[in-house]
Amino acid sequence: MNSATIKTDFLDQMGNGAQIAHLFDHLPETYFFGKNRDGEFVFANQAIIAALGIEKETEILGKTDFDLFDGDLARKYRDEDRLVMQSGEPLVNQVWLVPHEDGTLHWYLSSKRPLFSESGKVIGIAGVMRDFEKAGSALGPYRKLSPVLERVQSGYSEQLTVDELAELAGVSVSTLERTFRKLFSVSPTGYLTRVRLHAAKRALLETDESINSIALDCGFYDQSHFTKKFRAAFGQTPSKYRHGSVERGEAGGI
């Protein structure tokens, strides 16, 4: 019996693939999930459940990214899922910013692959994500920028400069710019703006603060600067986003 036959025979006997999926509950640095063609979660390991701030897997089953994340982020996740299902090919080591239950943004390496029925039809996707803050040296190049990412996350309301961030990383400004774009497909300044906009979106939905106060609290020069950046990123003003989201009952992410 050849190796391929041995594998197929064994998997046929096993039947329920969830027996293997449960092993991911013992890997806290790895986030494992599966979705059907409609984007509904069909399984998730304990690491994802904890990050979302829920207690049991049953609380996520049947929900989509739109039930769990901000609409703009959910659309990007869904577009990538569709790409994997349409192509029938895996998508490996994509860099994503994912919000946790406490509102902070975390970098992940995400890999997804299509799931097929016995007849060969694509029925969904399975994915794994690795938080490089937990994965240790396995994600070497990303670790070197940890001080920069932590500084932006904790100090986005301050007037941070690229010079300061480069000094934290122990590299020149040009090297920081080049490395950031290579690893994260965004400049340091672009990342800082992304973190500020994420914090602002949460504040728009979760507080009654004025838009001007939110702009200043999140590190923007003034309301005009904030509005310009917000419209460029999301296609609408902060005021329209706030009122539209309230009418739709959106939670604004996790």
Protein backbone atom coordinates (compact mmCIF):
# COMPACT_ATOMS: atom_id res chain seq x y z
CA MET A 1 0.00 0.00 0.00
CA ASN A 2 1.52 3.37 -1.03
CA SER A 3 1.71 6.40 1.27
CA ALA A 4 -1.18 8.28 -0.37
CA THR A 5 -3.48 5.28 0.03
CA ILE A 6 -2.46 4.84 3.65
CA LYS A 7 -3.35 8.47 4.38
CA THR A 8 -6.69 8.32 2.56
CA ASP A 9 -7.65 5.03 4.20
CA PHE A 10 -6.89 6.35 7.64
CA LEU A 11 -8.82 9.61 7.13
CA ASP A 12 -11.81 7.65 5.83
CA GLN A 13 -11.77 5.58 9.01
CA MET A 14 -11.47 8.65 11.20
CA GLY A 15 -14.56 10.26 9.66
CA ASN A 16 -14.87 13.32 11.88
CA GLY A 17 -12.01 15.73 11.19
CA ALA A 18 -12.86 17.68 14.34
CA GLN A 19 -10.80 15.12 16.27
CA ILE A 20 -7.67 16.71 14.78
CA ALA A 21 -9.07 20.24 14.92
CA HIS A 22 -9.33 20.02 18.72
CA LEU A 23 -5.55 19.72 18.94
CA PHE A 24 -5.41 23.44 18.15
CA ASP A 25 -6.98 24.12 21.55
CA HIS A 26 -3.58 23.25 23.01
CA LEU A 27 -1.72 25.84 20.91
CA PRO A 28 -2.46 29.24 22.49
CA GLU A 29 -0.23 31.04 19.96
CA THR A 30 -2.22 29.64 17.03
CA TYR A 31 -5.73 30.74 16.06
CA PHE A 32 -7.63 28.09 14.08
CA PHE A 33 -11.04 28.50 12.45
CA GLY A 34 -13.30 27.27 9.69
CA LYS A 35 -16.13 28.92 7.76
CA ASN A 36 -18.71 27.66 5.29
CA ARG A 37 -19.41 29.21 1.88
CA ASP A 38 -21.72 31.78 3.49
CA GLY A 39 -18.90 32.99 5.73
CA GLU A 40 -20.42 31.47 8.87
CA PHE A 41 -18.00 30.08 11.44
CA VAL A 42 -18.30 26.30 11.75
CA PHE A 43 -15.45 25.81 14.22
CA ALA A 44 -12.97 27.90 16.20
CA ASN A 45 -10.33 26.97 18.74
CA GLN A 46 -10.02 28.29 22.27
CA ALA A 47 -7.42 30.94 21.34
CA ILE A 48 -9.90 32.71 19.04
CA ILE A 49 -12.71 32.37 21.55
CA ALA A 50 -10.57 34.00 24.25
CA ALA A 51 -9.42 36.81 21.94
CA LEU A 52 -13.04 37.62 21.07
CA GLY A 53 -13.95 37.81 24.75
CA ILE A 54 -16.53 35.00 24.61
CA GLU A 55 -16.72 31.86 26.70
CA LYS A 56 -17.82 29.00 24.46
CA GLU A 57 -17.44 27.94 20.84
CA THR A 58 -21.23 27.82 20.47
CA GLU A 59 -21.29 31.61 20.82
CA ILE A 60 -19.38 32.04 17.54
CA LEU A 61 -20.84 29.18 15.48
CA GLY A 62 -23.16 30.45 12.76
CA LYS A 63 -21.89 34.02 13.05
CA THR A 64 -19.97 35.85 10.33
CA ASP A 65 -17.16 38.38 10.45
CA PHE A 66 -19.79 41.10 10.19
CA ASP A 67 -21.22 39.98 13.54
CA LEU A 68 -17.81 40.19 15.20
CA PHE A 69 -15.77 42.94 13.57
CA ASP A 70 -16.12 46.44 12.26
CA GLY A 71 -17.79 46.47 8.83
CA ASP A 72 -14.73 47.63 6.87
CA LEU A 73 -12.49 45.00 8.40
CA ALA A 74 -15.15 42.31 8.00
CA ARG A 75 -15.45 43.08 4.29
CA LYS A 76 -11.71 42.63 3.81
CA TYR A 77 -11.78 39.27 5.62
CA ARG A 78 -14.74 38.16 3.53
CA ASP A 79 -13.11 39.27 0.26
CA GLU A 80 -10.04 37.19 1.08
CA ASP A 81 -12.20 34.16 1.94
CA ARG A 82 -13.97 34.46 -1.41
CA LEU A 83 -10.64 34.71 -3.21
CA VAL A 84 -9.51 31.43 -1.64
CA MET A 85 -12.79 29.68 -2.47
CA GLN A 86 -12.91 30.97 -6.05
CA SER A 87 -9.32 30.09 -6.82
CA GLY A 88 -9.38 26.76 -4.99
CA GLU A 89 -5.82 27.53 -3.88
CA PRO A 90 -4.32 28.27 -0.45
CA LEU A 91 -3.34 31.82 0.48
CA VAL A 92 -0.32 31.72 2.76
CA ASN A 93 1.26 34.16 5.23
CA GLN A 94 -0.92 37.20 4.69
CA VAL A 95 -0.35 39.98 7.23
CA TRP A 96 -3.46 41.22 9.04
CA LEU A 97 -4.26 43.68 11.80
CA VAL A 98 -6.95 42.16 14.02
CA PRO A 99 -8.76 43.91 16.92
CA HIS A 100 -9.04 42.06 20.24
CA GLU A 101 -11.86 42.26 22.75
CA ASP A 102 -10.13 45.12 24.58
CA GLY A 103 -9.98 47.16 21.37
CA THR A 104 -6.23 46.91 20.77
CA LEU A 105 -4.90 45.97 17.34
CA HIS A 106 -2.58 42.98 16.92
CA TRP A 107 -0.52 41.81 13.94
CA TYR A 108 -1.07 38.28 12.66
CA LEU A 109 0.22 36.06 9.90
CA SER A 110 -2.82 34.40 8.36
CA SER A 111 -2.97 31.38 6.07
CA LYS A 112 -6.18 30.03 4.53
CA ARG A 113 -6.98 27.08 2.34
CA PRO A 114 -10.21 25.91 0.67
CA LEU A 115 -12.18 23.00 2.07
CA PHE A 116 -13.65 20.48 -0.38
CA SER A 117 -16.54 18.03 -0.21
CA GLU A 118 -16.08 14.40 -1.25
CA SER A 119 -17.31 15.37 -4.73
CA GLY A 120 -14.61 18.05 -5.02
CA LYS A 121 -16.87 21.07 -4.51
CA VAL A 122 -15.52 23.94 -2.42
CA ILE A 123 -17.62 24.11 0.76
CA GLY A 124 -15.70 26.70 2.76
CA ILE A 125 -12.29 27.63 4.09
CA ALA A 126 -10.07 26.77 7.03
CA GLY A 127 -7.55 29.22 8.38
CA VAL A 128 -4.80 29.64 10.93
CA MET A 129 -3.38 32.85 12.34
CA ARG A 130 -0.24 33.35 14.38
CA ASP A 131 0.16 36.29 16.73
CA PHE A 132 3.86 37.04 16.46
CA GLU A 133 3.88 38.50 19.98
CA LYS A 134 3.12 34.97 21.22
CA ALA A 135 4.91 32.95 18.59
CA GLY A 136 8.35 34.06 19.77
CA SER A 137 11.40 33.78 17.55
CA ALA A 138 9.58 31.68 14.95
CA LEU A 139 8.56 34.90 13.21
CA GLY A 140 12.02 36.47 13.49
CA PRO A 141 11.88 39.58 11.25
CA TYR A 142 8.60 40.75 12.76
CA ARG A 143 9.97 40.54 16.29
CA LYS A 144 12.56 43.21 15.53
CA LEU A 145 9.80 45.75 15.09
CA SER A 146 7.95 44.85 18.31
CA PRO A 147 9.17 47.98 20.18
CA VAL A 148 7.83 50.15 17.36
CA LEU A 149 4.46 48.40 17.26
CA GLU A 150 4.11 48.59 21.03
CA ARG A 151 5.00 52.29 21.06
CA VAL A 152 2.41 53.08 18.40
CA GLN A 153 -0.24 51.01 20.17
CA SER A 154 0.30 52.69 23.52
CA GLY A 155 1.13 56.20 22.30
CA TYR A 156 -0.93 56.81 19.18
CA SER A 157 -2.54 59.86 20.86
CA GLU A 158 0.87 61.54 21.03
CA GLN A 159 2.67 63.32 18.20
CA LEU A 160 4.97 60.42 17.34
CA THR A 161 7.63 60.88 14.68
CA VAL A 162 9.23 58.39 12.31
CA ASP A 163 12.61 59.44 13.72
CA GLU A 164 11.52 58.35 17.20
CA LEU A 165 10.20 55.03 15.91
CA ALA A 166 13.39 54.37 13.95
CA GLU A 167 15.45 55.03 17.07
CA LEU A 168 13.35 52.52 18.99
CA ALA A 169 14.04 49.90 16.32
CA GLY A 170 17.72 50.77 16.28
CA VAL A 171 17.75 51.47 12.54
CA SER A 172 17.78 54.45 10.19
CA VAL A 173 14.54 56.05 9.04
CA SER A 174 15.02 54.71 5.51
CA THR A 175 15.62 51.17 6.82
CA LEU A 176 12.52 51.37 9.02
CA GLU A 177 10.43 52.57 6.10
CA ARG A 178 11.75 49.81 3.83
CA THR A 179 11.36 47.05 6.43
CA PHE A 180 7.85 48.13 7.41
CA ARG A 181 6.68 48.13 3.80
CA LYS A 182 8.25 44.74 3.16
CA LEU A 183 6.72 43.05 6.20
CA PHE A 184 3.40 44.86 6.59
CA SER A 185 2.75 46.46 3.18
CA VAL A 186 2.32 49.83 4.85
CA SER A 187 4.64 52.65 5.95
CA PRO A 188 5.22 53.41 9.65
CA THR A 189 3.18 56.58 9.23
CA GLY A 190 0.43 54.62 7.49
CA TYR A 191 0.33 52.13 10.36
CA LEU A 192 0.14 54.92 12.93
CA THR A 193 -2.76 56.47 11.03
CA ARG A 194 -4.50 53.09 10.83
CA VAL A 195 -4.26 52.61 14.61
CA ARG A 196 -5.53 56.14 15.23
CA LEU A 197 -8.49 55.65 12.88
CA HIS A 198 -9.38 52.35 14.55
CA ALA A 199 -9.38 54.03 17.97
CA ALA A 200 -11.45 56.91 16.58
CA LYS A 201 -14.07 54.58 15.08
CA ARG A 202 -14.55 52.91 18.44
CA ALA A 203 -14.86 56.27 20.16
CA LEU A 204 -17.42 57.45 17.61
CA LEU A 205 -19.64 54.48 18.41
CA GLU A 206 -18.98 53.97 22.10
CA THR A 207 -18.83 57.54 23.45
CA ASP A 208 -20.74 60.82 23.18
CA GLU A 209 -17.56 62.86 22.80
CA SER A 210 -17.53 65.53 20.13
CA ILE A 211 -15.77 64.71 16.88
CA ASN A 212 -13.22 67.43 17.59
CA SER A 213 -12.38 65.89 20.99
CA ILE A 214 -12.07 62.43 19.46
CA ALA A 215 -9.77 63.79 16.76
CA LEU A 216 -7.42 65.33 19.33
CA ASP A 217 -7.58 62.35 21.70
CA CYS A 218 -6.58 60.01 18.87
CA GLY A 219 -3.55 62.04 17.81
CA PHE A 220 -4.87 64.00 14.84
CA TYR A 221 -3.88 67.68 14.53
CA ASP A 222 -7.47 68.91 14.43
CA GLN A 223 -10.96 67.92 13.31
CA SER A 224 -10.27 68.89 9.69
CA HIS A 225 -7.19 66.66 9.53
CA PHE A 226 -9.13 63.80 11.14
CA THR A 227 -12.07 64.16 8.75
CA LYS A 228 -9.79 64.17 5.72
CA LYS A 229 -8.02 60.96 6.81
CA PHE A 230 -11.29 59.29 7.82
CA ARG A 231 -12.98 60.05 4.50
CA ALA A 232 -9.96 58.84 2.54
CA ALA A 233 -9.93 55.54 4.44
CA PHE A 234 -13.67 54.82 4.69
CA GLY A 235 -15.39 56.92 2.05
CA GLN A 236 -17.49 58.94 4.48
CA THR A 237 -17.16 61.59 7.17
CA PRO A 238 -16.89 60.66 10.88
CA SER A 239 -20.32 62.20 11.48
CA LYS A 240 -22.00 60.10 8.78
CA TYR A 241 -20.21 56.99 10.05
CA ARG A 242 -21.39 57.61 13.61
CA HIS A 243 -25.02 58.25 12.67
CA GLY A 244 -25.18 55.49 10.06
CA SER A 245 -23.70 52.88 12.37
CA VAL A 246 -26.10 53.77 15.16
CA GLU A 247 -29.06 53.39 12.80
CA ARG A 248 -27.76 49.97 11.68
CA GLY A 249 -27.04 48.93 15.25
CA GLU A 250 -23.37 48.17 14.57
CA ALA A 251 -21.16 47.38 17.53
CA GLY A 252 -18.04 48.92 16.01
CA GLY A 253 -15.77 45.90 16.30
CA ILE A 254 -14.58 43.88 19.24
